[in-house]
Amino acid sequence: MQRAIVVIGFLVVAAGSSPADTAPSVRVAGSYTSNWGAVVLHQHGTRITGEYEFDHGHIDGVLDGNMIRYAWHEQSGDGRGVFVAASDGELVGTWGSSDDDTNGGGWRLVPDKVAAIAR
């Protein structure tokens, strides 16, 4: 009686991906109402840019999970800040001057569709 030994090989190739290649888990593009006036955010993967009403301000940031670390710039100054995306679409965070992202105070962005429903 002959025995046959069968060897089956599997080749598993893990596709490498960098954070820039992966789709972000949170979408933040849109119009917001905030304690600093109207805000419009744009999203390209994990890169977040935007404009806000107060002092013709601009935002440039990076989304990491549900957190956005951003730099802000307006006519009278610049600084850094951080937002956390809440499950209801709000962005709740802080802004600061220079390298401190909290010493300026709070900044809350409510999506316009949510703000309209609350009225």
PDB file of N, CA and C in Angstrom:
ATOM      1  N   MET A   1       0.827  -1.156   0.000  1.00  0.00           N
ATOM      2  CA  MET A   1       0.000   0.000   0.000  1.00  0.00           C
ATOM      3  C   MET A   1       0.888   1.241   0.000  1.00  0.00           C
ATOM      4  N   GLN A   2       0.638   2.105  -0.930  1.00  0.00           N
ATOM      5  CA  GLN A   2       1.433   3.328  -1.032  1.00  0.00           C
ATOM      6  C   GLN A   2       0.693   4.493  -0.391  1.00  0.00           C
ATOM      7  N   ARG A   3       1.439   5.285   0.247  1.00  0.00           N
ATOM      8  CA  ARG A   3       0.860   6.496   0.830  1.00  0.00           C
ATOM      9  C   ARG A   3       1.339   7.707   0.050  1.00  0.00           C
ATOM     10  N   ALA A   4       0.384   8.549  -0.222  1.00  0.00           N
ATOM     11  CA  ALA A   4       0.735   9.780  -0.930  1.00  0.00           C
ATOM     12  C   ALA A   4       0.709  10.935   0.060  1.00  0.00           C
ATOM     13  N   ILE A   5       1.710  11.678   0.013  1.00  0.00           N
ATOM     14  CA  ILE A   5       1.757  12.861   0.861  1.00  0.00           C
ATOM     15  C   ILE A   5       1.512  14.063  -0.037  1.00  0.00           C
ATOM     16  N   VAL A   6       0.507  14.783   0.315  1.00  0.00           N
ATOM     17  CA  VAL A   6       0.152  15.955  -0.468  1.00  0.00           C
ATOM     18  C   VAL A   6       0.481  17.192   0.363  1.00  0.00           C
ATOM     19  N   VAL A   7       1.231  18.037  -0.213  1.00  0.00           N
ATOM     20  CA  VAL A   7       1.585  19.285   0.450  1.00  0.00           C
ATOM     21  C   VAL A   7       0.915  20.415  -0.321  1.00  0.00           C
ATOM     22  N   ILE A   8       0.143  21.152   0.397  1.00  0.00           N
ATOM     23  CA  ILE A   8      -0.521  22.288  -0.218  1.00  0.00           C
ATOM     24  C   ILE A   8       0.084  23.542   0.388  1.00  0.00           C
ATOM     25  N   GLY A   9       0.575  24.371  -0.447  1.00  0.00           N
ATOM     26  CA  GLY A   9       1.187  25.621   0.023  1.00  0.00           C
ATOM     27  C   GLY A   9       0.259  26.796  -0.203  1.00  0.00           C
ATOM     28  N   PHE A  10       0.263  27.667   0.738  1.00  0.00           N
ATOM     29  CA  PHE A  10      -0.514  28.900   0.627  1.00  0.00           C
ATOM     30  C   PHE A  10       0.444  30.075   0.689  1.00  0.00           C
ATOM     31  N   LEU A  11       0.213  30.970  -0.198  1.00  0.00           N
ATOM     32  CA  LEU A  11       0.999  32.193  -0.198  1.00  0.00           C
ATOM     33  C   LEU A  11       0.066  33.334   0.176  1.00  0.00           C
ATOM     34  N   VAL A  12       0.366  33.938   1.262  1.00  0.00           N
ATOM     35  CA  VAL A  12      -0.431  35.068   1.710  1.00  0.00           C
ATOM     36  C   VAL A  12       0.426  36.314   1.581  1.00  0.00           C
ATOM     37  N   VAL A  13      -0.083  37.241   0.845  1.00  0.00           N
ATOM     38  CA  VAL A  13       0.632  38.497   0.662  1.00  0.00           C
ATOM     39  C   VAL A  13      -0.188  39.594   1.312  1.00  0.00           C
ATOM     40  N   ALA A  14       0.405  40.256   2.248  1.00  0.00           N
ATOM     41  CA  ALA A  14      -0.274  41.365   2.906  1.00  0.00           C
ATOM     42  C   ALA A  14       0.014  42.630   2.130  1.00  0.00           C
ATOM     43  N   ALA A  15      -1.027  43.249   1.706  1.00  0.00           N
ATOM     44  CA  ALA A  15      -0.860  44.495   0.973  1.00  0.00           C
ATOM     45  C   ALA A  15      -0.499  45.588   1.963  1.00  0.00           C
ATOM     46  N   GLY A  16       0.596  46.227   1.718  1.00  0.00           N
ATOM     47  CA  GLY A  16       1.015  47.313   2.600  1.00  0.00           C
ATOM     48  C   GLY A  16       0.208  48.559   2.301  1.00  0.00           C
ATOM     49  N   SER A  17      -0.144  49.264   3.330  1.00  0.00           N
ATOM     50  CA  SER A  17      -0.842  50.520   3.122  1.00  0.00           C
ATOM     51  C   SER A  17      -0.365  51.527   4.149  1.00  0.00           C
ATOM     52  N   SER A  18      -0.316  52.720   3.714  1.00  0.00           N
ATOM     53  CA  SER A  18       0.067  53.796   4.629  1.00  0.00           C
ATOM     54  C   SER A  18      -1.200  54.510   5.064  1.00  0.00           C
ATOM     55  N   PRO A  19      -1.144  55.281   6.137  1.00  0.00           N
ATOM     56  CA  PRO A  19      -2.337  56.000   6.585  1.00  0.00           C
ATOM     57  C   PRO A  19      -2.958  56.879   5.504  1.00  0.00           C
ATOM     58  N   ALA A  20      -2.145  57.430   4.618  1.00  0.00           N
ATOM     59  CA  ALA A  20      -2.677  58.278   3.555  1.00  0.00           C
ATOM     60  C   ALA A  20      -3.487  57.472   2.546  1.00  0.00           C
ATOM     61  N   ASP A  21      -3.195  56.162   2.429  1.00  0.00           N
ATOM     62  CA  ASP A  21      -3.894  55.314   1.484  1.00  0.00           C
ATOM     63  C   ASP A  21      -5.241  54.840   2.006  1.00  0.00           C
ATOM     64  N   THR A  22      -5.418  54.827   3.289  1.00  0.00           N
ATOM     65  CA  THR A  22      -6.638  54.289   3.858  1.00  0.00           C
ATOM     66  C   THR A  22      -7.731  55.351   3.883  1.00  0.00           C
ATOM     67  N   ALA A  23      -8.946  54.892   3.720  1.00  0.00           N
ATOM     68  CA  ALA A  23     -10.078  55.815   3.752  1.00  0.00           C
ATOM     69  C   ALA A  23     -10.321  56.262   5.189  1.00  0.00           C
ATOM     70  N   PRO A  24     -10.536  57.547   5.389  1.00  0.00           N
ATOM     71  CA  PRO A  24     -10.787  58.023   6.752  1.00  0.00           C
ATOM     72  C   PRO A  24     -12.112  57.484   7.279  1.00  0.00           C
ATOM     73  N   SER A  25     -12.168  57.257   8.580  1.00  0.00           N
ATOM     74  CA  SER A  25     -13.379  56.720   9.195  1.00  0.00           C
ATOM     75  C   SER A  25     -14.406  57.806   9.485  1.00  0.00           C
ATOM     76  N   VAL A  26     -14.003  59.062   9.403  1.00  0.00           N
ATOM     77  CA  VAL A  26     -14.880  60.182   9.710  1.00  0.00           C
ATOM     78  C   VAL A  26     -14.894  61.137   8.522  1.00  0.00           C
ATOM     79  N   ARG A  27     -16.068  61.614   8.194  1.00  0.00           N
ATOM     80  CA  ARG A  27     -16.215  62.623   7.140  1.00  0.00           C
ATOM     81  C   ARG A  27     -16.613  63.936   7.791  1.00  0.00           C
ATOM     82  N   VAL A  28     -15.840  64.982   7.549  1.00  0.00           N
ATOM     83  CA  VAL A  28     -16.114  66.265   8.197  1.00  0.00           C
ATOM     84  C   VAL A  28     -16.369  67.397   7.211  1.00  0.00           C
ATOM     85  N   ALA A  29     -16.281  67.131   5.930  1.00  0.00           N
ATOM     86  CA  ALA A  29     -16.506  68.189   4.941  1.00  0.00           C
ATOM     87  C   ALA A  29     -17.932  68.711   5.057  1.00  0.00           C
ATOM     88  N   GLY A  30     -18.069  70.025   4.989  1.00  0.00           N
ATOM     89  CA  GLY A  30     -19.396  70.617   5.033  1.00  0.00           C
ATOM     90  C   GLY A  30     -19.404  71.977   5.690  1.00  0.00           C
ATOM     91  N   SER A  31     -20.611  72.499   5.872  1.00  0.00           N
ATOM     92  CA  SER A  31     -20.812  73.814   6.477  1.00  0.00           C
ATOM     93  C   SER A  31     -21.221  73.659   7.928  1.00  0.00           C
ATOM     94  N   TYR A  32     -20.695  74.545   8.750  1.00  0.00           N
ATOM     95  CA  TYR A  32     -20.948  74.506  10.187  1.00  0.00           C
ATOM     96  C   TYR A  32     -21.290  75.898  10.709  1.00  0.00           C
ATOM     97  N   THR A  33     -21.990  75.912  11.818  1.00  0.00           N
ATOM     98  CA  THR A  33     -22.203  77.113  12.608  1.00  0.00           C
ATOM     99  C   THR A  33     -21.328  76.956  13.847  1.00  0.00           C
ATOM    100  N   SER A  34     -20.639  78.027  14.244  1.00  0.00           N
ATOM    101  CA  SER A  34     -19.744  77.905  15.397  1.00  0.00           C
ATOM    102  C   SER A  34     -19.788  79.165  16.249  1.00  0.00           C
ATOM    103  N   ASN A  35     -19.160  79.082  17.394  1.00  0.00           N
ATOM    104  CA  ASN A  35     -19.059  80.249  18.256  1.00  0.00           C
ATOM    105  C   ASN A  35     -18.104  81.305  17.687  1.00  0.00           C
ATOM    106  N   TRP A  36     -17.468  81.036  16.555  1.00  0.00           N
ATOM    107  CA  TRP A  36     -16.628  82.014  15.861  1.00  0.00           C
ATOM    108  C   TRP A  36     -17.169  82.290  14.466  1.00  0.00           C
ATOM    109  N   GLY A  37     -18.469  82.084  14.258  1.00  0.00           N
ATOM    110  CA  GLY A  37     -19.092  82.348  12.961  1.00  0.00           C
ATOM    111  C   GLY A  37     -19.144  81.114  12.082  1.00  0.00           C
ATOM    112  N   ALA A  38     -19.564  81.332  10.852  1.00  0.00           N
ATOM    113  CA  ALA A  38     -19.713  80.236   9.884  1.00  0.00           C
ATOM    114  C   ALA A  38     -18.348  79.621   9.547  1.00  0.00           C
ATOM    115  N   VAL A  39     -18.349  78.293   9.351  1.00  0.00           N
ATOM    116  CA  VAL A  39     -17.134  77.555   9.009  1.00  0.00           C
ATOM    117  C   VAL A  39     -17.465  76.607   7.858  1.00  0.00           C
ATOM    118  N   VAL A  40     -16.581  76.513   6.883  1.00  0.00           N
ATOM    119  CA  VAL A  40     -16.717  75.535   5.807  1.00  0.00           C
ATOM    120  C   VAL A  40     -15.438  74.699   5.793  1.00  0.00           C
ATOM    121  N   LEU A  41     -15.604  73.371   5.889  1.00  0.00           N
ATOM    122  CA  LEU A  41     -14.456  72.465   5.868  1.00  0.00           C
ATOM    123  C   LEU A  41     -14.454  71.638   4.591  1.00  0.00           C
ATOM    124  N   HIS A  42     -13.255  71.360   4.096  1.00  0.00           N
ATOM    125  CA  HIS A  42     -13.038  70.518   2.920  1.00  0.00           C
ATOM    126  C   HIS A  42     -12.181  69.346   3.365  1.00  0.00           C
ATOM    127  N   GLN A  43     -12.423  68.190   2.774  1.00  0.00           N
ATOM    128  CA  GLN A  43     -11.678  66.994   3.168  1.00  0.00           C
ATOM    129  C   GLN A  43     -11.149  66.283   1.938  1.00  0.00           C
ATOM    130  N   HIS A  44      -9.863  66.000   1.944  1.00  0.00           N
ATOM    131  CA  HIS A  44      -9.194  65.240   0.891  1.00  0.00           C
ATOM    132  C   HIS A  44      -8.437  64.116   1.590  1.00  0.00           C
ATOM    133  N   GLY A  45      -9.093  62.953   1.736  1.00  0.00           N
ATOM    134  CA  GLY A  45      -8.501  61.870   2.519  1.00  0.00           C
ATOM    135  C   GLY A  45      -8.458  62.279   3.973  1.00  0.00           C
ATOM    136  N   THR A  46      -7.266  62.328   4.535  1.00  0.00           N
ATOM    137  CA  THR A  46      -7.132  62.738   5.931  1.00  0.00           C
ATOM    138  C   THR A  46      -6.736  64.211   6.073  1.00  0.00           C
ATOM    139  N   ARG A  47      -6.581  64.902   4.966  1.00  0.00           N
ATOM    140  CA  ARG A  47      -6.234  66.341   5.010  1.00  0.00           C
ATOM    141  C   ARG A  47      -7.507  67.164   5.101  1.00  0.00           C
ATOM    142  N   ILE A  48      -7.535  68.083   6.042  1.00  0.00           N
ATOM    143  CA  ILE A  48      -8.680  68.955   6.264  1.00  0.00           C
ATOM    144  C   ILE A  48      -8.248  70.400   6.055  1.00  0.00           C
ATOM    145  N   THR A  49      -8.959  71.121   5.204  1.00  0.00           N
ATOM    146  CA  THR A  49      -8.728  72.547   5.021  1.00  0.00           C
ATOM    147  C   THR A  49     -10.070  73.252   5.190  1.00  0.00           C
ATOM    148  N   GLY A  50     -10.027  74.550   5.408  1.00  0.00           N
ATOM    149  CA  GLY A  50     -11.287  75.255   5.543  1.00  0.00           C
ATOM    150  C   GLY A  50     -11.127  76.735   5.753  1.00  0.00           C
ATOM    151  N   GLU A  51     -12.278  77.382   5.768  1.00  0.00           N
ATOM    152  CA  GLU A  51     -12.344  78.814   5.980  1.00  0.00           C
ATOM    153  C   GLU A  51     -13.383  79.073   7.067  1.00  0.00           C
ATOM    154  N   TYR A  52     -13.139  80.117   7.857  1.00  0.00           N
ATOM    155  CA  TYR A  52     -14.141  80.521   8.829  1.00  0.00           C
ATOM    156  C   TYR A  52     -14.306  82.035   8.787  1.00  0.00           C
ATOM    157  N   GLU A  53     -15.485  82.458   9.191  1.00  0.00           N
ATOM    158  CA  GLU A  53     -15.912  83.844   9.056  1.00  0.00           C
ATOM    159  C   GLU A  53     -15.070  84.832   9.860  1.00  0.00           C
ATOM    160  N   PHE A  54     -14.764  84.512  11.093  1.00  0.00           N
ATOM    161  CA  PHE A  54     -14.071  85.457  11.960  1.00  0.00           C
ATOM    162  C   PHE A  54     -12.705  85.823  11.387  1.00  0.00           C
ATOM    163  N   ASP A  55     -12.486  87.099  11.150  1.00  0.00           N
ATOM    164  CA  ASP A  55     -11.197  87.646  10.715  1.00  0.00           C
ATOM    165  C   ASP A  55     -10.641  86.958   9.464  1.00  0.00           C
ATOM    166  N   HIS A  56     -11.547  86.469   8.604  1.00  0.00           N
ATOM    167  CA  HIS A  56     -11.162  85.807   7.341  1.00  0.00           C
ATOM    168  C   HIS A  56     -10.183  84.656   7.585  1.00  0.00           C
ATOM    169  N   GLY A  57     -10.518  83.805   8.548  1.00  0.00           N
ATOM    170  CA  GLY A  57      -9.614  82.746   8.978  1.00  0.00           C
ATOM    171  C   GLY A  57      -9.561  81.535   8.061  1.00  0.00           C
ATOM    172  N   HIS A  58      -8.453  80.804   8.168  1.00  0.00           N
ATOM    173  CA  HIS A  58      -8.214  79.568   7.410  1.00  0.00           C
ATOM    174  C   HIS A  58      -7.732  78.470   8.354  1.00  0.00           C
ATOM    175  N   ILE A  59      -8.099  77.244   8.029  1.00  0.00           N
ATOM    176  CA  ILE A  59      -7.698  76.064   8.794  1.00  0.00           C
ATOM    177  C   ILE A  59      -6.973  75.106   7.868  1.00  0.00           C
ATOM    178  N   ASP A  60      -5.924  74.471   8.369  1.00  0.00           N
ATOM    179  CA  ASP A  60      -5.210  73.428   7.639  1.00  0.00           C
ATOM    180  C   ASP A  60      -4.853  72.347   8.649  1.00  0.00           C
ATOM    181  N   GLY A  61      -5.411  71.151   8.477  1.00  0.00           N
ATOM    182  CA  GLY A  61      -5.201  70.123   9.491  1.00  0.00           C
ATOM    183  C   GLY A  61      -5.138  68.714   8.950  1.00  0.00           C
ATOM    184  N   VAL A  62      -4.978  67.774   9.879  1.00  0.00           N
ATOM    185  CA  VAL A  62      -4.888  66.353   9.556  1.00  0.00           C
ATOM    186  C   VAL A  62      -5.835  65.583  10.469  1.00  0.00           C
ATOM    187  N   LEU A  63      -6.607  64.707   9.859  1.00  0.00           N
ATOM    188  CA  LEU A  63      -7.534  63.846  10.591  1.00  0.00           C
ATOM    189  C   LEU A  63      -6.824  62.558  10.974  1.00  0.00           C
ATOM    190  N   ASP A  64      -6.901  62.206  12.261  1.00  0.00           N
ATOM    191  CA  ASP A  64      -6.317  60.963  12.762  1.00  0.00           C
ATOM    192  C   ASP A  64      -7.383  60.286  13.614  1.00  0.00           C
ATOM    193  N   GLY A  65      -8.035  59.271  13.066  1.00  0.00           N
ATOM    194  CA  GLY A  65      -9.168  58.646  13.759  1.00  0.00           C
ATOM    195  C   GLY A  65     -10.322  59.620  13.770  1.00  0.00           C
ATOM    196  N   ASN A  66     -10.738  60.045  14.969  1.00  0.00           N
ATOM    197  CA  ASN A  66     -11.804  61.044  15.056  1.00  0.00           C
ATOM    198  C   ASN A  66     -11.275  62.387  15.573  1.00  0.00           C
ATOM    199  N   MET A  67      -9.959  62.581  15.495  1.00  0.00           N
ATOM    200  CA  MET A  67      -9.336  63.810  15.975  1.00  0.00           C
ATOM    201  C   MET A  67      -8.705  64.572  14.811  1.00  0.00           C
ATOM    202  N   ILE A  68      -8.912  65.873  14.836  1.00  0.00           N
ATOM    203  CA  ILE A  68      -8.286  66.756  13.844  1.00  0.00           C
ATOM    204  C   ILE A  68      -7.320  67.665  14.584  1.00  0.00           C
ATOM    205  N   ARG A  69      -6.064  67.605  14.207  1.00  0.00           N
ATOM    206  CA  ARG A  69      -5.073  68.565  14.699  1.00  0.00           C
ATOM    207  C   ARG A  69      -4.883  69.565  13.566  1.00  0.00           C
ATOM    208  N   TYR A  70      -5.032  70.845  13.880  1.00  0.00           N
ATOM    209  CA  TYR A  70      -5.025  71.841  12.818  1.00  0.00           C
ATOM    210  C   TYR A  70      -4.203  73.069  13.199  1.00  0.00           C
ATOM    211  N   ALA A  71      -3.828  73.795  12.172  1.00  0.00           N
ATOM    212  CA  ALA A  71      -3.236  75.124  12.331  1.00  0.00           C
ATOM    213  C   ALA A  71      -4.275  76.115  11.813  1.00  0.00           C
ATOM    214  N   TRP A  72      -4.405  77.252  12.478  1.00  0.00           N
ATOM    215  CA  TRP A  72      -5.312  78.290  12.017  1.00  0.00           C
ATOM    216  C   TRP A  72      -4.507  79.547  11.716  1.00  0.00           C
ATOM    217  N   HIS A  73      -5.036  80.326  10.780  1.00  0.00           N
ATOM    218  CA  HIS A  73      -4.378  81.575  10.404  1.00  0.00           C
ATOM    219  C   HIS A  73      -5.465  82.581  10.051  1.00  0.00           C
ATOM    220  N   GLU A  74      -5.333  83.768  10.590  1.00  0.00           N
ATOM    221  CA  GLU A  74      -6.253  84.846  10.256  1.00  0.00           C
ATOM    222  C   GLU A  74      -5.463  86.146  10.195  1.00  0.00           C
ATOM    223  N   GLN A  75      -6.118  87.222   9.832  1.00  0.00           N
ATOM    224  CA  GLN A  75      -5.419  88.483   9.632  1.00  0.00           C
ATOM    225  C   GLN A  75      -4.681  88.963  10.872  1.00  0.00           C
ATOM    226  N   SER A  76      -5.200  88.675  12.060  1.00  0.00           N
ATOM    227  CA  SER A  76      -4.580  89.193  13.278  1.00  0.00           C
ATOM    228  C   SER A  76      -3.701  88.194  14.021  1.00  0.00           C
ATOM    229  N   GLY A  77      -3.517  86.989  13.487  1.00  0.00           N
ATOM    230  CA  GLY A  77      -2.671  86.028  14.185  1.00  0.00           C
ATOM    231  C   GLY A  77      -2.789  84.622  13.651  1.00  0.00           C
ATOM    232  N   ASP A  78      -2.135  83.713  14.364  1.00  0.00           N
ATOM    233  CA  ASP A  78      -2.196  82.298  13.985  1.00  0.00           C
ATOM    234  C   ASP A  78      -1.932  81.437  15.206  1.00  0.00           C
ATOM    235  N   GLY A  79      -2.163  80.157  15.048  1.00  0.00           N
ATOM    236  CA  GLY A  79      -1.958  79.233  16.144  1.00  0.00           C
ATOM    237  C   GLY A  79      -2.338  77.824  15.765  1.00  0.00           C
ATOM    238  N   ARG A  80      -2.621  77.026  16.771  1.00  0.00           N
ATOM    239  CA  ARG A  80      -2.942  75.612  16.575  1.00  0.00           C
ATOM    240  C   ARG A  80      -4.197  75.273  17.362  1.00  0.00           C
ATOM    241  N   GLY A  81      -4.752  74.101  17.041  1.00  0.00           N
ATOM    242  CA  GLY A  81      -5.924  73.649  17.766  1.00  0.00           C
ATOM    243  C   GLY A  81      -6.190  72.177  17.524  1.00  0.00           C
ATOM    244  N   VAL A  82      -7.233  71.694  18.167  1.00  0.00           N
ATOM    245  CA  VAL A  82      -7.625  70.296  18.035  1.00  0.00           C
ATOM    246  C   VAL A  82      -9.145  70.199  18.115  1.00  0.00           C
ATOM    247  N   PHE A  83      -9.729  69.362  17.265  1.00  0.00           N
ATOM    248  CA  PHE A  83     -11.151  69.042  17.302  1.00  0.00           C
ATOM    249  C   PHE A  83     -11.305  67.544  17.488  1.00  0.00           C
ATOM    250  N   VAL A  84     -12.383  67.155  18.148  1.00  0.00           N
ATOM    251  CA  VAL A  84     -12.783  65.753  18.216  1.00  0.00           C
ATOM    252  C   VAL A  84     -14.161  65.665  17.582  1.00  0.00           C
ATOM    253  N   ALA A  85     -14.319  64.727  16.641  1.00  0.00           N
ATOM    254  CA  ALA A  85     -15.595  64.533  15.962  1.00  0.00           C
ATOM    255  C   ALA A  85     -16.510  63.683  16.833  1.00  0.00           C
ATOM    256  N   ALA A  86     -17.646  64.246  17.188  1.00  0.00           N
ATOM    257  CA  ALA A  86     -18.642  63.531  17.988  1.00  0.00           C
ATOM    258  C   ALA A  86     -19.527  62.690  17.063  1.00  0.00           C
ATOM    259  N   SER A  87     -20.231  61.741  17.628  1.00  0.00           N
ATOM    260  CA  SER A  87     -21.070  60.843  16.830  1.00  0.00           C
ATOM    261  C   SER A  87     -22.221  61.577  16.145  1.00  0.00           C
ATOM    262  N   ASP A  88     -22.619  62.744  16.658  1.00  0.00           N
ATOM    263  CA  ASP A  88     -23.716  63.500  16.038  1.00  0.00           C
ATOM    264  C   ASP A  88     -23.235  64.463  14.952  1.00  0.00           C
ATOM    265  N   GLY A  89     -21.935  64.429  14.627  1.00  0.00           N
ATOM    266  CA  GLY A  89     -21.388  65.273  13.573  1.00  0.00           C
ATOM    267  C   GLY A  89     -20.767  66.563  14.064  1.00  0.00           C
ATOM    268  N   GLU A  90     -20.947  66.887  15.328  1.00  0.00           N
ATOM    269  CA  GLU A  90     -20.324  68.095  15.859  1.00  0.00           C
ATOM    270  C   GLU A  90     -18.820  67.907  15.981  1.00  0.00           C
ATOM    271  N   LEU A  91     -18.101  69.004  15.871  1.00  0.00           N
ATOM    272  CA  LEU A  91     -16.666  69.026  16.130  1.00  0.00           C
ATOM    273  C   LEU A  91     -16.465  69.881  17.372  1.00  0.00           C
ATOM    274  N   VAL A  92     -15.937  69.288  18.401  1.00  0.00           N
ATOM    275  CA  VAL A  92     -15.752  69.972  19.674  1.00  0.00           C
ATOM    276  C   VAL A  92     -14.264  70.034  19.961  1.00  0.00           C
ATOM    277  N   GLY A  93     -13.763  71.233  20.246  1.00  0.00           N
ATOM    278  CA  GLY A  93     -12.334  71.324  20.473  1.00  0.00           C
ATOM    279  C   GLY A  93     -11.891  72.613  21.098  1.00  0.00           C
ATOM    280  N   THR A  94     -10.621  72.885  20.903  1.00  0.00           N
ATOM    281  CA  THR A  94      -9.978  74.057  21.450  1.00  0.00           C
ATOM    282  C   THR A  94      -9.078  74.692  20.405  1.00  0.00           C
ATOM    283  N   TRP A  95      -8.710  75.941  20.670  1.00  0.00           N
ATOM    284  CA  TRP A  95      -7.735  76.621  19.834  1.00  0.00           C
ATOM    285  C   TRP A  95      -6.749  77.325  20.758  1.00  0.00           C
ATOM    286  N   GLY A  96      -5.579  77.572  20.230  1.00  0.00           N
ATOM    287  CA  GLY A  96      -4.576  78.237  21.035  1.00  0.00           C
ATOM    288  C   GLY A  96      -3.644  79.076  20.192  1.00  0.00           C
ATOM    289  N   SER A  97      -2.838  79.877  20.861  1.00  0.00           N
ATOM    290  CA  SER A  97      -1.855  80.730  20.194  1.00  0.00           C
ATOM    291  C   SER A  97      -0.501  80.031  20.154  1.00  0.00           C
ATOM    292  N   SER A  98       0.264  80.355  19.148  1.00  0.00           N
ATOM    293  CA  SER A  98       1.603  79.781  18.956  1.00  0.00           C
ATOM    294  C   SER A  98       1.520  78.261  18.914  1.00  0.00           C
ATOM    295  N   ASP A  99       2.330  77.570  19.711  1.00  0.00           N
ATOM    296  CA  ASP A  99       2.357  76.108  19.683  1.00  0.00           C
ATOM    297  C   ASP A  99       1.377  75.459  20.655  1.00  0.00           C
ATOM    298  N   ASP A 100       0.690  76.258  21.466  1.00  0.00           N
ATOM    299  CA  ASP A 100      -0.274  75.729  22.437  1.00  0.00           C
ATOM    300  C   ASP A 100      -1.638  75.603  21.754  1.00  0.00           C
ATOM    301  N   ASP A 101      -2.244  74.427  21.813  1.00  0.00           N
ATOM    302  CA  ASP A 101      -3.525  74.250  21.128  1.00  0.00           C
ATOM    303  C   ASP A 101      -4.740  74.347  22.049  1.00  0.00           C
ATOM    304  N   THR A 102      -4.546  74.839  23.284  1.00  0.00           N
ATOM    305  CA  THR A 102      -5.675  74.960  24.207  1.00  0.00           C
ATOM    306  C   THR A 102      -5.799  76.320  24.898  1.00  0.00           C
ATOM    307  N   ASN A 103      -4.770  77.161  24.856  1.00  0.00           N
ATOM    308  CA  ASN A 103      -4.784  78.374  25.676  1.00  0.00           C
ATOM    309  C   ASN A 103      -5.727  79.479  25.189  1.00  0.00           C
ATOM    310  N   GLY A 104      -6.348  79.304  24.018  1.00  0.00           N
ATOM    311  CA  GLY A 104      -7.272  80.327  23.522  1.00  0.00           C
ATOM    312  C   GLY A 104      -8.707  80.127  23.956  1.00  0.00           C
ATOM    313  N   GLY A 105      -9.094  78.879  24.141  1.00  0.00           N
ATOM    314  CA  GLY A 105     -10.468  78.611  24.553  1.00  0.00           C
ATOM    315  C   GLY A 105     -11.111  77.514  23.730  1.00  0.00           C
ATOM    316  N   GLY A 106     -12.421  77.398  23.886  1.00  0.00           N
ATOM    317  CA  GLY A 106     -13.173  76.351  23.210  1.00  0.00           C
ATOM    318  C   GLY A 106     -13.682  76.783  21.845  1.00  0.00           C
ATOM    319  N   TRP A 107     -13.880  75.793  20.974  1.00  0.00           N
ATOM    320  CA  TRP A 107     -14.430  76.036  19.645  1.00  0.00           C
ATOM    321  C   TRP A 107     -15.321  74.863  19.304  1.00  0.00           C
ATOM    322  N   ARG A 108     -16.596  75.139  19.128  1.00  0.00           N
ATOM    323  CA  ARG A 108     -17.583  74.088  18.852  1.00  0.00           C
ATOM    324  C   ARG A 108     -18.221  74.348  17.496  1.00  0.00           C
ATOM    325  N   LEU A 109     -18.155  73.359  16.611  1.00  0.00           N
ATOM    326  CA  LEU A 109     -18.746  73.448  15.286  1.00  0.00           C
ATOM    327  C   LEU A 109     -19.947  72.513  15.222  1.00  0.00           C
ATOM    328  N   VAL A 110     -21.105  73.049  14.852  1.00  0.00           N
ATOM    329  CA  VAL A 110     -22.333  72.267  14.710  1.00  0.00           C
ATOM    330  C   VAL A 110     -22.670  72.233  13.223  1.00  0.00           C
ATOM    331  N   PRO A 111     -22.817  71.029  12.646  1.00  0.00           N
ATOM    332  CA  PRO A 111     -23.165  70.961  11.222  1.00  0.00           C
ATOM    333  C   PRO A 111     -24.438  71.756  10.945  1.00  0.00           C
ATOM    334  N   ASP A 112     -24.481  72.485   9.836  1.00  0.00           N
ATOM    335  CA  ASP A 112     -25.642  73.317   9.525  1.00  0.00           C
ATOM    336  C   ASP A 112     -26.937  72.530   9.504  1.00  0.00           C
ATOM    337  N   LYS A 113     -26.924  71.289   9.041  1.00  0.00           N
ATOM    338  CA  LYS A 113     -28.160  70.509   8.999  1.00  0.00           C
ATOM    339  C   LYS A 113     -28.660  70.243  10.417  1.00  0.00           C
ATOM    340  N   VAL A 114     -27.767  70.062  11.389  1.00  0.00           N
ATOM    341  CA  VAL A 114     -28.160  69.833  12.785  1.00  0.00           C
ATOM    342  C   VAL A 114     -28.619  71.162  13.397  1.00  0.00           C
ATOM    343  N   ALA A 115     -27.913  72.239  13.094  1.00  0.00           N
ATOM    344  CA  ALA A 115     -28.275  73.559  13.628  1.00  0.00           C
ATOM    345  C   ALA A 115     -29.664  73.970  13.137  1.00  0.00           C
ATOM    346  N   ALA A 116     -30.002  73.670  11.896  1.00  0.00           N
ATOM    347  CA  ALA A 116     -31.306  74.029  11.344  1.00  0.00           C
ATOM    348  C   ALA A 116     -32.431  73.246  12.037  1.00  0.00           C
ATOM    349  N   ILE A 117     -32.186  71.982  12.353  1.00  0.00           N
ATOM    350  CA  ILE A 117     -33.184  71.157  13.019  1.00  0.00           C
ATOM    351  C   ILE A 117     -33.424  71.651  14.448  1.00  0.00           C
ATOM    352  N   ALA A 118     -32.384  72.128  15.119  1.00  0.00           N
ATOM    353  CA  ALA A 118     -32.486  72.575  16.506  1.00  0.00           C
ATOM    354  C   ALA A 118     -33.238  73.906  16.646  1.00  0.00           C
ATOM    355  N   ARG A 119     -33.375  74.640  15.573  1.00  0.00           N
ATOM    356  CA  ARG A 119     -34.036  75.964  15.642  1.00  0.00           C
ATOM    357  C   ARG A 119     -35.511  75.851  15.815  1.00  0.00           C
TER     358      ARG A 119
END
